[in-house]
Amino acid sequence: MDQILQTLKDIQLDLSKQKQDMKEMENNITESINNNIDSKFKHIEEKTKNLELKIDQQQKTIDILDKQLRRKNVIFFGVEEKEKGYENLLSIILEILNKNMNISCKQWEIENVIRMGKNTGKIRPVAVTITTMSRRIEILKNKKSLENTRIYLKEDFSPAILQKRKELQETLKKERESGKRVALHYDKIIELKPRSSGPRTPTERNTNKRILSISPEESEKNHRGDNNETTKQAPSTSNMNKIPKRNKRNIESFVIREPKSTNANSTLDK
């Protein structure tokens, strides 16, 4: 009977030990699975971050290229769609520039002209690409010459920049109402310098000029010049009273004379 009881106790101990071992195994398996999943997730997260960085860099590069391409563009609004082709549209734009805006613009100064968007019955704007930045700046400066017409000009911005400029309009209006001199430059609001009350004097204009520094070579030359001036002496009166000698030459000195024959040559001739 005692042996049976002991055997039962041993069986119970074995069962409890097996249960404990199974729990430990389960915990180990769960921990290993979690560790494996965590490592995989970390690897995926690193890849995702690297991809996001690359996408951001590529987007910045695309934005820079897009900005550079649009820098030479001027958008004409209100130009009637009566052209029959590219050459006709180009001649219309040249006529607006030369006659309406009084800008002497040649055909080679315009790289491209194209209507923007699909034809839906409304007048579409015309994107004009100028070959030189100086001519583009001149066109934008003279855009007020089109005030009495249906045509007006604007710079070419991407849709994202246009949306940002639209959002900044309210802030710009509040800043101007408060008395600040501000302007919208690309996608930022910048503060302008206050205007002077009266005309500036020449001395005030020169205060903004940069003072040029003297180079070491120039300073050394000036130093040598000062030393040379101190060492120079006045010429003596005896030297000043001397009359320079003239070379006593006559016409005979320039005549080439034949060499005289020797006695040996005269005897041979005989």
C-alpha atoms as a PDB file:
ATOM      1  CA  MET A   1       0.000   0.000   0.000  1.00  0.00           C
ATOM      2  CA  ASP A   2       2.806   2.345   0.844  1.00  0.00           C
ATOM      3  CA  GLN A   3       4.492   1.562  -2.385  1.00  0.00           C
ATOM      4  CA  ILE A   4       1.360   2.405  -4.332  1.00  0.00           C
ATOM      5  CA  LEU A   5       1.057   5.737  -2.519  1.00  0.00           C
ATOM      6  CA  GLN A   6       4.696   6.501  -3.213  1.00  0.00           C
ATOM      7  CA  THR A   7       4.244   5.621  -6.841  1.00  0.00           C
ATOM      8  CA  LEU A   8       1.234   7.923  -7.091  1.00  0.00           C
ATOM      9  CA  LYS A   9       3.226  10.750  -5.492  1.00  0.00           C
ATOM     10  CA  ASP A  10       6.045  10.205  -7.958  1.00  0.00           C
ATOM     11  CA  ILE A  11       3.581  10.283 -10.831  1.00  0.00           C
ATOM     12  CA  GLN A  12       2.104  13.544  -9.547  1.00  0.00           C
ATOM     13  CA  LEU A  13       5.571  15.090  -9.257  1.00  0.00           C
ATOM     14  CA  ASP A  14       6.393  13.991 -12.772  1.00  0.00           C
ATOM     15  CA  LEU A  15       3.168  15.456 -14.080  1.00  0.00           C
ATOM     16  CA  SER A  16       3.749  18.775 -12.323  1.00  0.00           C
ATOM     17  CA  LYS A  17       7.316  18.881 -13.634  1.00  0.00           C
ATOM     18  CA  GLN A  18       6.134  18.146 -17.154  1.00  0.00           C
ATOM     19  CA  LYS A  19       3.558  20.912 -16.873  1.00  0.00           C
ATOM     20  CA  GLN A  20       6.234  23.328 -15.730  1.00  0.00           C
ATOM     21  CA  ASP A  21       8.522  22.257 -18.565  1.00  0.00           C
ATOM     22  CA  MET A  22       5.727  22.706 -21.061  1.00  0.00           C
ATOM     23  CA  LYS A  23       5.042  26.216 -19.737  1.00  0.00           C
ATOM     24  CA  GLU A  24       8.699  27.105 -20.035  1.00  0.00           C
ATOM     25  CA  MET A  25       8.798  25.717 -23.566  1.00  0.00           C
ATOM     26  CA  GLU A  26       5.702  27.683 -24.442  1.00  0.00           C
ATOM     27  CA  ASN A  27       7.232  30.856 -23.047  1.00  0.00           C
ATOM     28  CA  ASN A  28      10.461  30.245 -24.924  1.00  0.00           C
ATOM     29  CA  ILE A  29       8.607  29.587 -28.158  1.00  0.00           C
ATOM     30  CA  THR A  30       6.499  32.709 -27.718  1.00  0.00           C
ATOM     31  CA  GLU A  31       9.573  34.800 -26.898  1.00  0.00           C
ATOM     32  CA  SER A  32      11.522  33.491 -29.880  1.00  0.00           C
ATOM     33  CA  ILE A  33       8.570  34.140 -32.199  1.00  0.00           C
ATOM     34  CA  ASN A  34       8.192  37.667 -30.832  1.00  0.00           C
ATOM     35  CA  ASN A  35      11.913  38.316 -31.188  1.00  0.00           C
ATOM     36  CA  ASN A  36      11.850  37.050 -34.730  1.00  0.00           C
ATOM     37  CA  ILE A  37       8.843  39.197 -35.575  1.00  0.00           C
ATOM     38  CA  ASP A  38      10.434  42.244 -33.899  1.00  0.00           C
ATOM     39  CA  SER A  39      13.655  41.832 -35.857  1.00  0.00           C
ATOM     40  CA  LYS A  40      11.711  41.510 -39.095  1.00  0.00           C
ATOM     41  CA  PHE A  41       9.636  44.569 -38.275  1.00  0.00           C
ATOM     42  CA  LYS A  42      12.767  46.577 -37.443  1.00  0.00           C
ATOM     43  CA  HIS A  43      14.286  45.580 -40.759  1.00  0.00           C
ATOM     44  CA  ILE A  44      11.099  46.622 -42.569  1.00  0.00           C
ATOM     45  CA  GLU A  45      11.011  49.912 -40.663  1.00  0.00           C
ATOM     46  CA  GLU A  46      14.609  50.713 -41.635  1.00  0.00           C
ATOM     47  CA  LYS A  47      13.840  49.959 -45.268  1.00  0.00           C
ATOM     48  CA  THR A  48      10.733  52.129 -45.103  1.00  0.00           C
ATOM     49  CA  LYS A  49      12.683  55.034 -43.596  1.00  0.00           C
ATOM     50  CA  ASN A  50      15.379  54.742 -46.245  1.00  0.00           C
ATOM     51  CA  LEU A  51      12.745  54.665 -48.967  1.00  0.00           C
ATOM     52  CA  GLU A  52      11.031  57.733 -47.487  1.00  0.00           C
ATOM     53  CA  LEU A  53      14.353  59.605 -47.414  1.00  0.00           C
ATOM     54  CA  LYS A  54      15.030  58.694 -51.036  1.00  0.00           C
ATOM     55  CA  ILE A  55      11.531  59.752 -52.045  1.00  0.00           C
ATOM     56  CA  ASP A  56      11.969  63.086 -50.234  1.00  0.00           C
ATOM     57  CA  GLN A  57      15.313  63.686 -51.937  1.00  0.00           C
ATOM     58  CA  GLN A  58      13.875  62.803 -55.336  1.00  0.00           C
ATOM     59  CA  GLN A  59      10.909  65.084 -54.711  1.00  0.00           C
ATOM     60  CA  LYS A  60      13.235  67.948 -53.810  1.00  0.00           C
ATOM     61  CA  THR A  61      15.232  67.327 -56.969  1.00  0.00           C
ATOM     62  CA  ILE A  62      12.039  67.279 -59.027  1.00  0.00           C
ATOM     63  CA  ASP A  63      10.873  70.524 -57.393  1.00  0.00           C
ATOM     64  CA  ILE A  64      14.215  72.212 -58.157  1.00  0.00           C
ATOM     65  CA  LEU A  65      14.104  71.085 -61.780  1.00  0.00           C
ATOM     66  CA  ASP A  66      10.475  72.143 -62.103  1.00  0.00           C
ATOM     67  CA  LYS A  67      11.291  75.553 -60.626  1.00  0.00           C
ATOM     68  CA  GLN A  68      14.196  76.014 -63.026  1.00  0.00           C
ATOM     69  CA  LEU A  69      12.026  75.076 -66.001  1.00  0.00           C
ATOM     70  CA  ARG A  70       9.282  77.490 -64.946  1.00  0.00           C
ATOM     71  CA  ARG A  71      11.677  80.381 -64.266  1.00  0.00           C
ATOM     72  CA  LYS A  72      11.708  81.415 -67.934  1.00  0.00           C
ATOM     73  CA  ASN A  73       7.949  81.119 -68.381  1.00  0.00           C
ATOM     74  CA  VAL A  74       5.382  83.902 -68.464  1.00  0.00           C
ATOM     75  CA  ILE A  75       1.657  83.080 -68.443  1.00  0.00           C
ATOM     76  CA  PHE A  76      -0.590  85.241 -70.638  1.00  0.00           C
ATOM     77  CA  PHE A  77      -4.260  85.294 -69.659  1.00  0.00           C
ATOM     78  CA  GLY A  78      -7.106  86.589 -71.808  1.00  0.00           C
ATOM     79  CA  VAL A  79      -5.520  85.952 -75.214  1.00  0.00           C
ATOM     80  CA  GLU A  80      -8.369  84.982 -77.562  1.00  0.00           C
ATOM     81  CA  GLU A  81      -8.126  81.560 -79.184  1.00  0.00           C
ATOM     82  CA  LYS A  82      -8.285  82.612 -82.805  1.00  0.00           C
ATOM     83  CA  GLU A  83      -4.975  81.142 -83.909  1.00  0.00           C
ATOM     84  CA  LYS A  84      -4.799  78.379 -86.492  1.00  0.00           C
ATOM     85  CA  GLY A  85      -1.474  76.915 -85.455  1.00  0.00           C
ATOM     86  CA  TYR A  86       1.764  77.436 -83.623  1.00  0.00           C
ATOM     87  CA  GLU A  87       3.152  80.114 -85.971  1.00  0.00           C
ATOM     88  CA  ASN A  88      -0.074  82.100 -85.736  1.00  0.00           C
ATOM     89  CA  LEU A  89      -0.058  81.958 -81.919  1.00  0.00           C
ATOM     90  CA  LEU A  90       3.601  83.024 -81.883  1.00  0.00           C
ATOM     91  CA  SER A  91       2.835  86.038 -84.081  1.00  0.00           C
ATOM     92  CA  ILE A  92      -0.047  87.022 -81.738  1.00  0.00           C
ATOM     93  CA  ILE A  93       2.254  86.946 -78.700  1.00  0.00           C
ATOM     94  CA  LEU A  94       4.930  88.944 -80.551  1.00  0.00           C
ATOM     95  CA  GLU A  95       2.324  91.529 -81.528  1.00  0.00           C
ATOM     96  CA  ILE A  96       1.228  91.875 -77.881  1.00  0.00           C
ATOM     97  CA  LEU A  97       4.819  92.327 -76.737  1.00  0.00           C
ATOM     98  CA  ASN A  98       5.853  94.778 -79.459  1.00  0.00           C
ATOM     99  CA  LYS A  99       2.690  96.863 -79.877  1.00  0.00           C
ATOM    100  CA  ASN A 100       0.751  96.649 -76.602  1.00  0.00           C
ATOM    101  CA  MET A 101       3.750  96.510 -74.236  1.00  0.00           C
ATOM    102  CA  ASN A 102       6.242  98.515 -76.354  1.00  0.00           C
ATOM    103  CA  ILE A 103       8.937  95.858 -75.932  1.00  0.00           C
ATOM    104  CA  SER A 104      11.173  95.213 -78.913  1.00  0.00           C
ATOM    105  CA  CYS A 105      11.071  91.416 -78.800  1.00  0.00           C
ATOM    106  CA  LYS A 106      12.390  89.284 -81.644  1.00  0.00           C
ATOM    107  CA  GLN A 107      11.177  85.842 -82.653  1.00  0.00           C
ATOM    108  CA  TRP A 108      14.393  84.136 -81.511  1.00  0.00           C
ATOM    109  CA  GLU A 109      13.825  85.482 -77.978  1.00  0.00           C
ATOM    110  CA  ILE A 110      10.761  83.235 -77.582  1.00  0.00           C
ATOM    111  CA  GLU A 111      11.560  79.571 -77.180  1.00  0.00           C
ATOM    112  CA  ASN A 112       8.037  78.161 -77.062  1.00  0.00           C
ATOM    113  CA  VAL A 113       4.357  79.140 -76.862  1.00  0.00           C
ATOM    114  CA  ILE A 114       1.604  76.712 -75.908  1.00  0.00           C
ATOM    115  CA  ARG A 115      -1.992  76.746 -74.692  1.00  0.00           C
ATOM    116  CA  MET A 116      -2.442  75.267 -71.203  1.00  0.00           C
ATOM    117  CA  GLY A 117      -5.103  72.676 -70.421  1.00  0.00           C
ATOM    118  CA  LYS A 118      -7.840  71.085 -72.465  1.00  0.00           C
ATOM    119  CA  ASN A 119     -10.123  73.007 -74.785  1.00  0.00           C
ATOM    120  CA  THR A 120     -13.426  73.308 -72.861  1.00  0.00           C
ATOM    121  CA  GLY A 121     -14.807  76.404 -74.583  1.00  0.00           C
ATOM    122  CA  LYS A 122     -13.129  78.873 -72.202  1.00  0.00           C
ATOM    123  CA  ILE A 123     -10.124  80.976 -73.137  1.00  0.00           C
ATOM    124  CA  ARG A 124      -7.064  79.023 -72.085  1.00  0.00           C
ATOM    125  CA  PRO A 125      -3.912  80.766 -70.831  1.00  0.00           C
ATOM    126  CA  VAL A 126      -0.773  80.775 -72.960  1.00  0.00           C
ATOM    127  CA  ALA A 127       2.557  79.665 -71.492  1.00  0.00           C
ATOM    128  CA  VAL A 128       5.393  81.606 -73.152  1.00  0.00           C
ATOM    129  CA  THR A 129       8.999  80.462 -72.626  1.00  0.00           C
ATOM    130  CA  ILE A 130      11.525  83.299 -72.950  1.00  0.00           C
ATOM    131  CA  THR A 131      15.116  82.505 -73.938  1.00  0.00           C
ATOM    132  CA  THR A 132      16.760  85.078 -71.637  1.00  0.00           C
ATOM    133  CA  MET A 133      16.016  86.022 -68.024  1.00  0.00           C
ATOM    134  CA  SER A 134      16.627  89.724 -68.703  1.00  0.00           C
ATOM    135  CA  ARG A 135      13.851  89.802 -71.299  1.00  0.00           C
ATOM    136  CA  ARG A 136      11.486  87.911 -68.960  1.00  0.00           C
ATOM    137  CA  ILE A 137      12.147  90.425 -66.156  1.00  0.00           C
ATOM    138  CA  GLU A 138      11.481  93.306 -68.556  1.00  0.00           C
ATOM    139  CA  ILE A 139       8.163  91.748 -69.616  1.00  0.00           C
ATOM    140  CA  LEU A 140       7.039  91.287 -66.006  1.00  0.00           C
ATOM    141  CA  LYS A 141       8.047  94.852 -65.145  1.00  0.00           C
ATOM    142  CA  ASN A 142       5.950  96.231 -68.031  1.00  0.00           C
ATOM    143  CA  LYS A 143       2.840  94.159 -67.281  1.00  0.00           C
ATOM    144  CA  LYS A 144       1.011  97.313 -66.142  1.00  0.00           C
ATOM    145  CA  SER A 145       0.931  98.453 -69.767  1.00  0.00           C
ATOM    146  CA  LEU A 146      -1.839  95.857 -70.317  1.00  0.00           C
ATOM    147  CA  GLU A 147      -4.176  97.301 -67.665  1.00  0.00           C
ATOM    148  CA  ASN A 148      -6.589  98.770 -70.218  1.00  0.00           C
ATOM    149  CA  THR A 149      -6.868  95.453 -72.092  1.00  0.00           C
ATOM    150  CA  ARG A 150      -8.337  92.041 -71.329  1.00  0.00           C
ATOM    151  CA  ILE A 151      -4.878  90.535 -71.223  1.00  0.00           C
ATOM    152  CA  TYR A 152      -2.793  90.207 -68.036  1.00  0.00           C
ATOM    153  CA  LEU A 153       0.413  88.423 -67.057  1.00  0.00           C
ATOM    154  CA  LYS A 154       1.503  86.184 -64.201  1.00  0.00           C
ATOM    155  CA  GLU A 155       4.535  84.162 -63.268  1.00  0.00           C
ATOM    156  CA  ASP A 156       4.492  80.408 -63.771  1.00  0.00           C
ATOM    157  CA  PHE A 157       4.221  78.454 -60.489  1.00  0.00           C
ATOM    158  CA  SER A 158       3.582  74.794 -59.762  1.00  0.00           C
ATOM    159  CA  PRO A 159       0.158  73.786 -58.331  1.00  0.00           C
ATOM    160  CA  ALA A 160       1.686  73.232 -54.864  1.00  0.00           C
ATOM    161  CA  ILE A 161       3.235  76.721 -54.828  1.00  0.00           C
ATOM    162  CA  LEU A 162      -0.006  78.264 -56.106  1.00  0.00           C
ATOM    163  CA  GLN A 163      -1.915  76.639 -53.248  1.00  0.00           C
ATOM    164  CA  LYS A 164       0.626  77.885 -50.712  1.00  0.00           C
ATOM    165  CA  ARG A 165       0.499  81.416 -52.124  1.00  0.00           C
ATOM    166  CA  LYS A 166      -3.289  81.298 -51.933  1.00  0.00           C
ATOM    167  CA  GLU A 167      -3.107  80.322 -48.250  1.00  0.00           C
ATOM    168  CA  LEU A 168      -0.691  83.187 -47.525  1.00  0.00           C
ATOM    169  CA  GLN A 169      -2.919  85.868 -49.055  1.00  0.00           C
ATOM    170  CA  GLU A 170      -4.921  86.368 -45.841  1.00  0.00           C
ATOM    171  CA  THR A 171      -1.770  86.662 -43.732  1.00  0.00           C
ATOM    172  CA  LEU A 172      -0.308  89.096 -46.262  1.00  0.00           C
ATOM    173  CA  LYS A 173      -3.446  91.239 -46.092  1.00  0.00           C
ATOM    174  CA  LYS A 174      -3.319  91.395 -42.269  1.00  0.00           C
ATOM    175  CA  GLU A 175       0.369  92.326 -42.288  1.00  0.00           C
ATOM    176  CA  ARG A 176      -0.275  95.173 -44.730  1.00  0.00           C
ATOM    177  CA  GLU A 177      -3.262  96.426 -42.751  1.00  0.00           C
ATOM    178  CA  SER A 178      -1.052  96.587 -39.646  1.00  0.00           C
ATOM    179  CA  GLY A 179       1.279  98.997 -41.455  1.00  0.00           C
ATOM    180  CA  LYS A 180       4.099  96.663 -42.399  1.00  0.00           C
ATOM    181  CA  ARG A 181       5.721  96.811 -45.838  1.00  0.00           C
ATOM    182  CA  VAL A 182       5.610  93.161 -46.898  1.00  0.00           C
ATOM    183  CA  ALA A 183       5.464  91.290 -50.179  1.00  0.00           C
ATOM    184  CA  LEU A 184       4.815  87.743 -51.323  1.00  0.00           C
ATOM    185  CA  HIS A 185       7.981  86.315 -52.833  1.00  0.00           C
ATOM    186  CA  TYR A 186       7.553  82.835 -54.343  1.00  0.00           C
ATOM    187  CA  ASP A 187       6.148  80.892 -51.342  1.00  0.00           C
ATOM    188  CA  LYS A 188       7.206  83.225 -48.503  1.00  0.00           C
ATOM    189  CA  ILE A 189       6.222  86.591 -47.072  1.00  0.00           C
ATOM    190  CA  ILE A 190       9.213  88.927 -46.884  1.00  0.00           C
ATOM    191  CA  GLU A 191       9.474  92.301 -45.172  1.00  0.00           C
ATOM    192  CA  LEU A 192      10.582  95.200 -47.338  1.00  0.00           C
ATOM    193  CA  LYS A 193      12.898  97.993 -46.259  1.00  0.00           C
ATOM    194  CA  PRO A 194      11.133 101.202 -45.175  1.00  0.00           C
ATOM    195  CA  ARG A 195      11.072 103.981 -47.724  1.00  0.00           C
ATOM    196  CA  SER A 196      13.136 107.088 -47.009  1.00  0.00           C
ATOM    197  CA  SER A 197      11.160 110.300 -46.350  1.00  0.00           C
ATOM    198  CA  GLY A 198      13.270 112.469 -48.697  1.00  0.00           C
ATOM    199  CA  PRO A 199      16.029 112.283 -51.269  1.00  0.00           C
ATOM    200  CA  ARG A 200      19.368 111.111 -49.943  1.00  0.00           C
ATOM    201  CA  THR A 201      22.433 113.316 -50.095  1.00  0.00           C
ATOM    202  CA  PRO A 202      25.572 112.117 -51.939  1.00  0.00           C
ATOM    203  CA  THR A 203      27.293 111.482 -48.623  1.00  0.00           C
ATOM    204  CA  GLU A 204      24.408 109.287 -47.454  1.00  0.00           C
ATOM    205  CA  ARG A 205      24.503 107.353 -50.715  1.00  0.00           C
ATOM    206  CA  ASN A 206      28.203 106.676 -50.310  1.00  0.00           C
ATOM    207  CA  THR A 207      27.782 105.314 -46.775  1.00  0.00           C
ATOM    208  CA  ASN A 208      26.448 102.036 -48.143  1.00  0.00           C
ATOM    209  CA  LYS A 209      29.413 101.557 -50.451  1.00  0.00           C
ATOM    210  CA  ARG A 210      31.997  99.020 -49.428  1.00  0.00           C
ATOM    211  CA  ILE A 211      35.456 100.370 -48.620  1.00  0.00           C
ATOM    212  CA  LEU A 212      38.044  98.502 -50.625  1.00  0.00           C
ATOM    213  CA  SER A 213      40.952  97.113 -48.664  1.00  0.00           C
ATOM    214  CA  ILE A 214      44.532  97.656 -49.821  1.00  0.00           C
ATOM    215  CA  SER A 215      46.339  94.544 -50.942  1.00  0.00           C
ATOM    216  CA  PRO A 216      49.694  93.615 -49.358  1.00  0.00           C
ATOM    217  CA  GLU A 217      51.460  94.210 -52.684  1.00  0.00           C
ATOM    218  CA  GLU A 218      50.000  97.718 -52.953  1.00  0.00           C
ATOM    219  CA  SER A 219      50.934  98.615 -49.388  1.00  0.00           C
ATOM    220  CA  GLU A 220      54.491  97.375 -49.989  1.00  0.00           C
ATOM    221  CA  LYS A 221      54.752  99.517 -53.151  1.00  0.00           C
ATOM    222  CA  ASN A 222      53.537 102.572 -51.239  1.00  0.00           C
ATOM    223  CA  HIS A 223      56.078 101.893 -48.495  1.00  0.00           C
ATOM    224  CA  ARG A 224      58.880 101.619 -51.035  1.00  0.00           C
ATOM    225  CA  GLY A 225      57.748 104.808 -52.738  1.00  0.00           C
ATOM    226  CA  ASP A 226      57.909 106.724 -49.435  1.00  0.00           C
ATOM    227  CA  ASN A 227      61.420 105.456 -48.781  1.00  0.00           C
ATOM    228  CA  ASN A 228      62.550 106.430 -52.293  1.00  0.00           C
ATOM    229  CA  GLU A 229      61.197 109.954 -51.869  1.00  0.00           C
ATOM    230  CA  THR A 230      63.136 110.485 -48.645  1.00  0.00           C
ATOM    231  CA  THR A 231      66.393 109.213 -50.166  1.00  0.00           C
ATOM    232  CA  LYS A 232      66.169 111.371 -53.311  1.00  0.00           C
ATOM    233  CA  GLN A 233      68.453 114.464 -53.402  1.00  0.00           C
ATOM    234  CA  ALA A 234      68.192 117.657 -55.402  1.00  0.00           C
ATOM    235  CA  PRO A 235      70.427 117.743 -58.503  1.00  0.00           C
ATOM    236  CA  SER A 236      73.602 119.828 -58.151  1.00  0.00           C
ATOM    237  CA  THR A 237      73.888 123.163 -59.958  1.00  0.00           C
ATOM    238  CA  SER A 238      77.194 122.137 -61.515  1.00  0.00           C
ATOM    239  CA  ASN A 239      75.571 119.307 -63.379  1.00  0.00           C
ATOM    240  CA  MET A 240      72.674 121.505 -64.456  1.00  0.00           C
ATOM    241  CA  ASN A 241      75.058 124.145 -65.956  1.00  0.00           C
ATOM    242  CA  LYS A 242      76.981 121.627 -68.030  1.00  0.00           C
ATOM    243  CA  ILE A 243      76.136 121.654 -71.722  1.00  0.00           C
ATOM    244  CA  PRO A 244      75.964 118.202 -73.273  1.00  0.00           C
ATOM    245  CA  LYS A 245      78.656 117.551 -75.890  1.00  0.00           C
ATOM    246  CA  ARG A 246      77.552 117.156 -79.443  1.00  0.00           C
ATOM    247  CA  ASN A 247      78.864 114.369 -81.597  1.00  0.00           C
ATOM    248  CA  LYS A 248      81.097 115.872 -84.186  1.00  0.00           C
ATOM    249  CA  ARG A 249      80.113 113.963 -87.268  1.00  0.00           C
ATOM    250  CA  ASN A 250      80.137 115.031 -90.864  1.00  0.00           C
ATOM    251  CA  ILE A 251      79.026 113.524 -94.141  1.00  0.00           C
ATOM    252  CA  GLU A 252      82.390 111.852 -94.644  1.00  0.00           C
ATOM    253  CA  SER A 253      81.799 109.570 -91.651  1.00  0.00           C
ATOM    254  CA  PHE A 254      78.790 108.014 -93.449  1.00  0.00           C
ATOM    255  CA  VAL A 255      80.576 107.421 -96.794  1.00  0.00           C
ATOM    256  CA  ILE A 256      81.846 103.878 -97.340  1.00  0.00           C
ATOM    257  CA  ARG A 257      85.357 104.005 -98.629  1.00  0.00           C
ATOM    258  CA  GLU A 258      87.038 101.270-100.671  1.00  0.00           C
ATOM    259  CA  PRO A 259      89.927  99.528 -98.937  1.00  0.00           C
ATOM    260  CA  LYS A 260      93.406 100.566-100.205  1.00  0.00           C
ATOM    261  CA  SER A 261      95.299  97.845-102.093  1.00  0.00           C
ATOM    262  CA  THR A 262      98.574  96.671-100.537  1.00  0.00           C
ATOM    263  CA  ASN A 263     101.965  96.605-102.252  1.00  0.00           C
ATOM    264  CA  ALA A 264     101.816  92.834-102.628  1.00  0.00           C
ATOM    265  CA  ASN A 265      98.646  93.068-104.660  1.00  0.00           C
ATOM    266  CA  SER A 266     100.135  95.750-106.957  1.00  0.00           C
ATOM    267  CA  THR A 267     103.189  93.637-107.777  1.00  0.00           C
ATOM    268  CA  LEU A 268     101.030  90.658-108.666  1.00  0.00           C
ATOM    269  CA  ASP A 269      99.008  92.744-111.049  1.00  0.00           C
ATOM    270  CA  LYS A 270     102.162  93.779-112.904  1.00  0.00           C
END
